[in-house]
Amino acid sequence: EAAALLARSGWAVAVPTVDGLTVLRLRPDDAFAVSATVKALHDAGYHRVAVLGVSLGAGPALLAAAEPDTAAAISAVLALGGYASAVELLRYTLTGAYAYGGVSGRHPVEETAIAQFARANTELVDEAGRRLVDNRDPSTFDALERALPQATRDLVEALSPGRMLGALRAPLFLIHGRQDPAVPFTESLRLEAAARAAGRPVRAAIVGAVGHVEADRRAGLADLLRLWATFYAFRLTAERAPAG
């Protein structure tokens, strides 16, 4: 839907197929599909390539945008409902708990999504992994996560785009809904802080006008203005950046 809207507004749009997104089985290699699409657009003569990542898809998008061979070709990056830390995403998915910068809360968990994740990642759900997946208590999450095999912990770290933002060359734009049931809005706060700490230009809009990645019909004027201003800034940046 987002791609269709962008195409109707005059953008040349390419949508990579990220296989891991369809089954909740993300791996670092999923970023290759995004990188290949950026390269294909650039080779086709589109020398100002902007990247939009939505929800879990923001992970591969941000990882690809930070790759040395890709970063120079990208004019702007927008993450809509994205995440910074795969550990925190697991915490939220399994326990409903989220926290960052003095903001915290808890959301009902989706057991169906957890079961789908476990089926798609059977090699990760060993004895320690099963204890983590079956746990719904936020107070025991950290100990259970630390008990995972080192290879699993390394994989989770590799899937965390917040650690790579220093390698971005394009400005970063973030939009997140406060009521997002899939990814807590604190993850965009975490992305914003990581980008600022790395000295990267970043603009964030945390609004009540977006649930997950869809606009809320009850959106207030202030939220709509923040959404419009952030997306407009993204578009201007994407179009005015020097050709790569």
C-alpha atoms as a PDB file:
ATOM      1  CA  GLU A   1       0.000   0.000   0.000  1.00  0.00           C
ATOM      2  CA  ALA A   2       2.790   2.425   0.870  1.00  0.00           C
ATOM      3  CA  ALA A   3       4.556   1.572  -2.390  1.00  0.00           C
ATOM      4  CA  ALA A   4       1.379   2.205  -4.387  1.00  0.00           C
ATOM      5  CA  LEU A   5       0.849   5.577  -2.717  1.00  0.00           C
ATOM      6  CA  LEU A   6       4.427   6.620  -3.464  1.00  0.00           C
ATOM      7  CA  ALA A   7       4.122   5.483  -7.075  1.00  0.00           C
ATOM      8  CA  ARG A   8       0.909   7.477  -7.533  1.00  0.00           C
ATOM      9  CA  SER A   9       2.670  10.560  -6.194  1.00  0.00           C
ATOM     10  CA  GLY A  10       5.340  10.330  -8.874  1.00  0.00           C
ATOM     11  CA  TRP A  11       8.080   8.201  -7.314  1.00  0.00           C
ATOM     12  CA  ALA A  12       9.752   5.363  -9.170  1.00  0.00           C
ATOM     13  CA  VAL A  13       9.226   2.507  -6.706  1.00  0.00           C
ATOM     14  CA  ALA A  14      10.854  -0.903  -6.345  1.00  0.00           C
ATOM     15  CA  VAL A  15       9.789  -3.326  -3.612  1.00  0.00           C
ATOM     16  CA  PRO A  16      12.351  -6.027  -2.739  1.00  0.00           C
ATOM     17  CA  THR A  17      11.165  -9.425  -1.586  1.00  0.00           C
ATOM     18  CA  VAL A  18      12.555 -10.056   1.890  1.00  0.00           C
ATOM     19  CA  ASP A  19      11.752 -13.707   2.461  1.00  0.00           C
ATOM     20  CA  GLY A  20      12.340 -13.650   6.211  1.00  0.00           C
ATOM     21  CA  LEU A  21       9.618 -11.062   6.752  1.00  0.00           C
ATOM     22  CA  THR A  22       6.880 -13.343   5.495  1.00  0.00           C
ATOM     23  CA  VAL A  23       7.513 -16.011   8.146  1.00  0.00           C
ATOM     24  CA  LEU A  24       9.055 -14.042  11.057  1.00  0.00           C
ATOM     25  CA  ARG A  25      12.460 -15.548  10.291  1.00  0.00           C
ATOM     26  CA  LEU A  26      14.750 -12.547   9.871  1.00  0.00           C
ATOM     27  CA  ARG A  27      18.448 -13.088   9.233  1.00  0.00           C
ATOM     28  CA  PRO A  28      21.247 -10.585   8.489  1.00  0.00           C
ATOM     29  CA  ASP A  29      21.330 -11.798   4.868  1.00  0.00           C
ATOM     30  CA  ASP A  30      17.834 -10.340   4.373  1.00  0.00           C
ATOM     31  CA  ALA A  31      19.533  -6.958   3.956  1.00  0.00           C
ATOM     32  CA  PHE A  32      21.030  -8.207   0.676  1.00  0.00           C
ATOM     33  CA  ALA A  33      17.654  -7.963  -1.077  1.00  0.00           C
ATOM     34  CA  VAL A  34      17.410  -4.293  -0.131  1.00  0.00           C
ATOM     35  CA  SER A  35      21.005  -3.575  -1.158  1.00  0.00           C
ATOM     36  CA  ALA A  36      20.475  -5.297  -4.508  1.00  0.00           C
ATOM     37  CA  THR A  37      17.358  -3.225  -5.158  1.00  0.00           C
ATOM     38  CA  VAL A  38      19.167   0.019  -4.348  1.00  0.00           C
ATOM     39  CA  LYS A  39      21.976  -0.968  -6.724  1.00  0.00           C
ATOM     40  CA  ALA A  40      19.523  -1.903  -9.477  1.00  0.00           C
ATOM     41  CA  LEU A  41      17.776   1.474  -9.220  1.00  0.00           C
ATOM     42  CA  HIS A  42      21.091   3.303  -9.199  1.00  0.00           C
ATOM     43  CA  ASP A  43      22.333   1.353 -12.227  1.00  0.00           C
ATOM     44  CA  ALA A  44      19.059   2.149 -14.021  1.00  0.00           C
ATOM     45  CA  GLY A  45      19.786   5.863 -13.707  1.00  0.00           C
ATOM     46  CA  TYR A  46      18.026   6.732 -10.450  1.00  0.00           C
ATOM     47  CA  HIS A  47      20.913   8.382  -8.659  1.00  0.00           C
ATOM     48  CA  ARG A  48      18.891   9.660  -5.703  1.00  0.00           C
ATOM     49  CA  VAL A  49      17.561   6.485  -4.095  1.00  0.00           C
ATOM     50  CA  ALA A  50      15.509   6.823  -0.919  1.00  0.00           C
ATOM     51  CA  VAL A  51      14.797   3.834   1.318  1.00  0.00           C
ATOM     52  CA  LEU A  52      11.536   3.265   3.220  1.00  0.00           C
ATOM     53  CA  GLY A  53      11.388   0.435   5.758  1.00  0.00           C
ATOM     54  CA  VAL A  54       8.125  -0.522   7.435  1.00  0.00           C
ATOM     55  CA  SER A  55       7.804  -2.304  10.795  1.00  0.00           C
ATOM     56  CA  LEU A  56      10.101  -5.362  10.945  1.00  0.00           C
ATOM     57  CA  GLY A  57      11.188  -4.513   7.413  1.00  0.00           C
ATOM     58  CA  ALA A  58      12.935  -1.446   8.790  1.00  0.00           C
ATOM     59  CA  GLY A  59      15.603  -3.791  10.161  1.00  0.00           C
ATOM     60  CA  PRO A  60      16.895  -5.063   6.794  1.00  0.00           C
ATOM     61  CA  ALA A  61      16.364  -1.591   5.303  1.00  0.00           C
ATOM     62  CA  LEU A  62      18.527   0.129   7.914  1.00  0.00           C
ATOM     63  CA  LEU A  63      21.176  -2.587   7.823  1.00  0.00           C
ATOM     64  CA  ALA A  64      21.371  -2.286   4.038  1.00  0.00           C
ATOM     65  CA  ALA A  65      21.496   1.513   4.162  1.00  0.00           C
ATOM     66  CA  ALA A  66      24.513   1.283   6.473  1.00  0.00           C
ATOM     67  CA  GLU A  67      26.499  -1.059   4.220  1.00  0.00           C
ATOM     68  CA  PRO A  68      29.567   0.683   2.719  1.00  0.00           C
ATOM     69  CA  ASP A  69      28.708  -0.382  -0.839  1.00  0.00           C
ATOM     70  CA  THR A  70      25.127   0.899  -0.503  1.00  0.00           C
ATOM     71  CA  ALA A  71      25.301   3.954   1.747  1.00  0.00           C
ATOM     72  CA  ALA A  72      26.703   6.337  -0.872  1.00  0.00           C
ATOM     73  CA  ALA A  73      23.785   5.679  -3.242  1.00  0.00           C
ATOM     74  CA  ILE A  74      21.079   6.513  -0.682  1.00  0.00           C
ATOM     75  CA  SER A  75      19.701  10.042  -0.314  1.00  0.00           C
ATOM     76  CA  ALA A  76      17.332   9.542   2.650  1.00  0.00           C
ATOM     77  CA  VAL A  77      15.994   6.773   4.888  1.00  0.00           C
ATOM     78  CA  LEU A  78      12.525   6.591   6.458  1.00  0.00           C
ATOM     79  CA  ALA A  79      11.653   3.950   9.063  1.00  0.00           C
ATOM     80  CA  LEU A  80       7.935   3.654   9.765  1.00  0.00           C
ATOM     81  CA  GLY A  81       7.307   1.687  12.955  1.00  0.00           C
ATOM     82  CA  GLY A  82      10.875   0.372  12.965  1.00  0.00           C
ATOM     83  CA  TYR A  83      13.088  -1.068  15.672  1.00  0.00           C
ATOM     84  CA  ALA A  84      16.617  -0.531  17.001  1.00  0.00           C
ATOM     85  CA  SER A  85      17.251  -3.591  19.186  1.00  0.00           C
ATOM     86  CA  ALA A  86      16.239  -7.150  18.360  1.00  0.00           C
ATOM     87  CA  VAL A  87      16.569  -7.982  22.067  1.00  0.00           C
ATOM     88  CA  GLU A  88      14.027  -5.306  22.961  1.00  0.00           C
ATOM     89  CA  LEU A  89      11.779  -6.459  20.142  1.00  0.00           C
ATOM     90  CA  LEU A  90      11.879  -9.979  21.590  1.00  0.00           C
ATOM     91  CA  ARG A  91      11.154  -8.613  25.056  1.00  0.00           C
ATOM     92  CA  TYR A  92       8.074  -6.816  23.741  1.00  0.00           C
ATOM     93  CA  THR A  93       6.875  -9.724  21.620  1.00  0.00           C
ATOM     94  CA  LEU A  94       7.226 -12.306  24.398  1.00  0.00           C
ATOM     95  CA  THR A  95       6.249 -10.280  27.483  1.00  0.00           C
ATOM     96  CA  GLY A  96       4.549  -7.142  26.164  1.00  0.00           C
ATOM     97  CA  ALA A  97       6.950  -4.947  28.149  1.00  0.00           C
ATOM     98  CA  TYR A  98       8.774  -1.939  26.722  1.00  0.00           C
ATOM     99  CA  ALA A  99      10.915   0.804  28.229  1.00  0.00           C
ATOM    100  CA  TYR A 100      13.318   3.506  27.155  1.00  0.00           C
ATOM    101  CA  GLY A 101      14.349   6.921  28.420  1.00  0.00           C
ATOM    102  CA  GLY A 102      11.957   6.989  31.344  1.00  0.00           C
ATOM    103  CA  VAL A 103       9.029   5.766  29.227  1.00  0.00           C
ATOM    104  CA  SER A 104       7.669   2.298  29.959  1.00  0.00           C
ATOM    105  CA  GLY A 105       4.551   0.227  29.560  1.00  0.00           C
ATOM    106  CA  ARG A 106       3.136  -3.157  28.741  1.00  0.00           C
ATOM    107  CA  HIS A 107       0.966  -4.420  25.911  1.00  0.00           C
ATOM    108  CA  PRO A 108      -0.966  -7.694  25.561  1.00  0.00           C
ATOM    109  CA  VAL A 109       1.093 -10.353  23.788  1.00  0.00           C
ATOM    110  CA  GLU A 110       0.001 -12.063  20.574  1.00  0.00           C
ATOM    111  CA  GLU A 111       0.294 -15.798  21.186  1.00  0.00           C
ATOM    112  CA  THR A 112      -0.353 -16.600  17.528  1.00  0.00           C
ATOM    113  CA  ALA A 113       2.642 -14.524  16.432  1.00  0.00           C
ATOM    114  CA  ILE A 114       4.840 -16.140  19.090  1.00  0.00           C
ATOM    115  CA  ALA A 115       3.843 -19.622  17.912  1.00  0.00           C
ATOM    116  CA  GLN A 116       4.585 -18.637  14.299  1.00  0.00           C
ATOM    117  CA  PHE A 117       7.995 -17.283  15.328  1.00  0.00           C
ATOM    118  CA  ALA A 118       8.839 -20.514  17.181  1.00  0.00           C
ATOM    119  CA  ARG A 119       7.856 -22.665  14.196  1.00  0.00           C
ATOM    120  CA  ALA A 120       9.926 -20.542  11.807  1.00  0.00           C
ATOM    121  CA  ASN A 121      13.029 -20.597  14.018  1.00  0.00           C
ATOM    122  CA  THR A 122      13.112 -24.163  15.297  1.00  0.00           C
ATOM    123  CA  GLU A 123      16.923 -24.303  15.278  1.00  0.00           C
ATOM    124  CA  LEU A 124      16.982 -21.431  17.777  1.00  0.00           C
ATOM    125  CA  VAL A 125      14.393 -22.919  20.105  1.00  0.00           C
ATOM    126  CA  ASP A 126      16.615 -25.358  21.980  1.00  0.00           C
ATOM    127  CA  GLU A 127      16.128 -25.910  25.715  1.00  0.00           C
ATOM    128  CA  ALA A 128      17.251 -22.379  26.610  1.00  0.00           C
ATOM    129  CA  GLY A 129      15.371 -20.907  23.674  1.00  0.00           C
ATOM    130  CA  ARG A 130      12.181 -22.703  24.664  1.00  0.00           C
ATOM    131  CA  ARG A 131      12.394 -21.301  28.197  1.00  0.00           C
ATOM    132  CA  LEU A 132      12.662 -17.803  26.746  1.00  0.00           C
ATOM    133  CA  VAL A 133       9.859 -18.271  24.221  1.00  0.00           C
ATOM    134  CA  ASP A 134       7.514 -19.726  26.852  1.00  0.00           C
ATOM    135  CA  ASN A 135       8.174 -16.937  29.357  1.00  0.00           C
ATOM    136  CA  ARG A 136       5.735 -14.022  29.747  1.00  0.00           C
ATOM    137  CA  ASP A 137       7.276 -12.488  32.882  1.00  0.00           C
ATOM    138  CA  PRO A 138       9.261  -9.303  32.105  1.00  0.00           C
ATOM    139  CA  SER A 139      11.254  -9.637  35.335  1.00  0.00           C
ATOM    140  CA  THR A 140      12.897 -12.892  34.195  1.00  0.00           C
ATOM    141  CA  PHE A 141      13.434 -11.993  30.535  1.00  0.00           C
ATOM    142  CA  ASP A 142      17.004 -10.676  30.893  1.00  0.00           C
ATOM    143  CA  ALA A 143      18.289 -13.757  32.709  1.00  0.00           C
ATOM    144  CA  LEU A 144      16.665 -16.062  30.167  1.00  0.00           C
ATOM    145  CA  GLU A 145      18.084 -14.049  27.266  1.00  0.00           C
ATOM    146  CA  ARG A 146      21.585 -14.189  28.762  1.00  0.00           C
ATOM    147  CA  ALA A 147      21.244 -17.989  29.059  1.00  0.00           C
ATOM    148  CA  LEU A 148      20.839 -18.400  25.296  1.00  0.00           C
ATOM    149  CA  PRO A 149      23.723 -19.982  23.363  1.00  0.00           C
ATOM    150  CA  GLN A 150      26.313 -17.414  22.302  1.00  0.00           C
ATOM    151  CA  ALA A 151      25.609 -18.068  18.624  1.00  0.00           C
ATOM    152  CA  THR A 152      21.963 -17.155  19.157  1.00  0.00           C
ATOM    153  CA  ARG A 153      22.872 -14.015  21.068  1.00  0.00           C
ATOM    154  CA  ASP A 154      25.292 -13.032  18.299  1.00  0.00           C
ATOM    155  CA  LEU A 155      22.525 -13.486  15.736  1.00  0.00           C
ATOM    156  CA  VAL A 156      20.151 -11.289  17.728  1.00  0.00           C
ATOM    157  CA  GLU A 157      22.845  -8.623  17.964  1.00  0.00           C
ATOM    158  CA  ALA A 158      23.486  -8.811  14.213  1.00  0.00           C
ATOM    159  CA  LEU A 159      19.784  -8.189  13.589  1.00  0.00           C
ATOM    160  CA  SER A 160      19.836  -4.954  15.638  1.00  0.00           C
ATOM    161  CA  PRO A 161      20.148  -1.953  13.288  1.00  0.00           C
ATOM    162  CA  GLY A 162      20.665   0.555  16.090  1.00  0.00           C
ATOM    163  CA  ARG A 163      24.305  -0.492  16.353  1.00  0.00           C
ATOM    164  CA  MET A 164      24.957   0.404  12.689  1.00  0.00           C
ATOM    165  CA  LEU A 165      23.541   3.921  12.430  1.00  0.00           C
ATOM    166  CA  GLY A 166      26.973   5.525  12.564  1.00  0.00           C
ATOM    167  CA  ALA A 167      27.614   4.071   9.104  1.00  0.00           C
ATOM    168  CA  LEU A 168      24.594   5.804   7.554  1.00  0.00           C
ATOM    169  CA  ARG A 169      25.454   8.592   5.134  1.00  0.00           C
ATOM    170  CA  ALA A 170      21.866   9.670   4.476  1.00  0.00           C
ATOM    171  CA  PRO A 171      19.595  11.569   6.894  1.00  0.00           C
ATOM    172  CA  LEU A 172      17.268   9.328   8.911  1.00  0.00           C
ATOM    173  CA  PHE A 173      13.550   9.994   9.389  1.00  0.00           C
ATOM    174  CA  LEU A 174      11.427   8.091  11.907  1.00  0.00           C
ATOM    175  CA  ILE A 175       7.644   7.835  12.285  1.00  0.00           C
ATOM    176  CA  HIS A 176       6.026   5.659  14.942  1.00  0.00           C
ATOM    177  CA  GLY A 177       2.566   5.286  16.439  1.00  0.00           C
ATOM    178  CA  ARG A 178       2.222   5.311  20.221  1.00  0.00           C
ATOM    179  CA  GLN A 179      -0.308   2.470  20.048  1.00  0.00           C
ATOM    180  CA  ASP A 180       1.727   0.231  17.726  1.00  0.00           C
ATOM    181  CA  PRO A 181       0.935  -3.367  18.790  1.00  0.00           C
ATOM    182  CA  ALA A 182       3.807  -4.947  16.821  1.00  0.00           C
ATOM    183  CA  VAL A 183       6.819  -2.735  17.632  1.00  0.00           C
ATOM    184  CA  PRO A 184       6.831  -0.362  20.630  1.00  0.00           C
ATOM    185  CA  PHE A 185       7.298   3.321  19.828  1.00  0.00           C
ATOM    186  CA  THR A 186      10.211   3.373  22.264  1.00  0.00           C
ATOM    187  CA  GLU A 187      12.219   1.594  19.563  1.00  0.00           C
ATOM    188  CA  SER A 188      12.063   4.697  17.380  1.00  0.00           C
ATOM    189  CA  LEU A 189      13.169   6.734  20.397  1.00  0.00           C
ATOM    190  CA  ARG A 190      16.075   4.309  20.696  1.00  0.00           C
ATOM    191  CA  LEU A 191      16.895   4.707  16.998  1.00  0.00           C
ATOM    192  CA  GLU A 192      16.772   8.479  17.312  1.00  0.00           C
ATOM    193  CA  ALA A 193      19.140   8.456  20.289  1.00  0.00           C
ATOM    194  CA  ALA A 194      21.553   6.076  18.546  1.00  0.00           C
ATOM    195  CA  ALA A 195      21.635   8.256  15.438  1.00  0.00           C
ATOM    196  CA  ARG A 196      22.265  11.405  17.474  1.00  0.00           C
ATOM    197  CA  ALA A 197      24.996   9.680  19.471  1.00  0.00           C
ATOM    198  CA  ALA A 198      26.649   8.712  16.182  1.00  0.00           C
ATOM    199  CA  GLY A 199      26.393  12.268  14.880  1.00  0.00           C
ATOM    200  CA  ARG A 200      23.899  11.405  12.150  1.00  0.00           C
ATOM    201  CA  PRO A 201      21.069  13.771  11.096  1.00  0.00           C
ATOM    202  CA  VAL A 202      17.743  12.407  12.332  1.00  0.00           C
ATOM    203  CA  ARG A 203      14.148  13.581  12.651  1.00  0.00           C
ATOM    204  CA  ALA A 204      11.483  11.665  14.578  1.00  0.00           C
ATOM    205  CA  ALA A 205       7.710  11.949  14.904  1.00  0.00           C
ATOM    206  CA  ILE A 206       6.016   9.869  17.608  1.00  0.00           C
ATOM    207  CA  VAL A 207       2.296  10.260  17.080  1.00  0.00           C
ATOM    208  CA  GLY A 208      -1.058   8.856  18.058  1.00  0.00           C
ATOM    209  CA  ALA A 209      -2.171   8.996  14.438  1.00  0.00           C
ATOM    210  CA  VAL A 210      -0.601   5.658  13.519  1.00  0.00           C
ATOM    211  CA  GLY A 211      -1.453   2.303  15.075  1.00  0.00           C
ATOM    212  CA  HIS A 212       0.964  -0.165  13.510  1.00  0.00           C
ATOM    213  CA  VAL A 213       1.695   1.181  10.048  1.00  0.00           C
ATOM    214  CA  GLU A 214      -1.806   2.385   9.191  1.00  0.00           C
ATOM    215  CA  ALA A 215      -3.216   5.844   9.786  1.00  0.00           C
ATOM    216  CA  ASP A 216      -5.854   6.089  12.508  1.00  0.00           C
ATOM    217  CA  ARG A 217      -9.139   7.673  11.437  1.00  0.00           C
ATOM    218  CA  ARG A 218      -9.277   9.374  14.855  1.00  0.00           C
ATOM    219  CA  ALA A 219      -6.026  11.229  14.242  1.00  0.00           C
ATOM    220  CA  GLY A 220      -5.923  14.774  15.547  1.00  0.00           C
ATOM    221  CA  LEU A 221      -4.737  17.777  13.595  1.00  0.00           C
ATOM    222  CA  ALA A 222      -1.453  18.057  15.520  1.00  0.00           C
ATOM    223  CA  ASP A 223      -0.575  14.424  14.777  1.00  0.00           C
ATOM    224  CA  LEU A 224      -1.452  14.786  11.117  1.00  0.00           C
ATOM    225  CA  LEU A 225       0.699  17.899  10.859  1.00  0.00           C
ATOM    226  CA  ARG A 226       3.661  16.084  12.449  1.00  0.00           C
ATOM    227  CA  LEU A 227       3.217  13.174  10.072  1.00  0.00           C
ATOM    228  CA  TRP A 228       2.988  15.468   7.059  1.00  0.00           C
ATOM    229  CA  ALA A 229       5.962  17.590   8.128  1.00  0.00           C
ATOM    230  CA  THR A 230       8.194  14.561   8.685  1.00  0.00           C
ATOM    231  CA  PHE A 231       7.266  12.874   5.424  1.00  0.00           C
ATOM    232  CA  TYR A 232       7.576  16.147   3.503  1.00  0.00           C
ATOM    233  CA  ALA A 233      11.044  16.685   4.964  1.00  0.00           C
ATOM    234  CA  PHE A 234      11.948  13.122   3.940  1.00  0.00           C
ATOM    235  CA  ARG A 235      10.748  13.744   0.400  1.00  0.00           C
ATOM    236  CA  LEU A 236      12.571  17.066   0.053  1.00  0.00           C
ATOM    237  CA  THR A 237      15.770  15.534   1.395  1.00  0.00           C
ATOM    238  CA  ALA A 238      15.476  12.556  -0.942  1.00  0.00           C
ATOM    239  CA  GLU A 239      14.933  14.760  -3.988  1.00  0.00           C
ATOM    240  CA  ARG A 240      17.497  17.455  -3.230  1.00  0.00           C
ATOM    241  CA  ALA A 241      20.403  15.299  -2.158  1.00  0.00           C
ATOM    242  CA  PRO A 242      23.399  15.380  -4.520  1.00  0.00           C
ATOM    243  CA  ALA A 243      23.260  12.600  -7.076  1.00  0.00           C
ATOM    244  CA  GLY A 244      25.281   9.623  -5.895  1.00  0.00           C
END
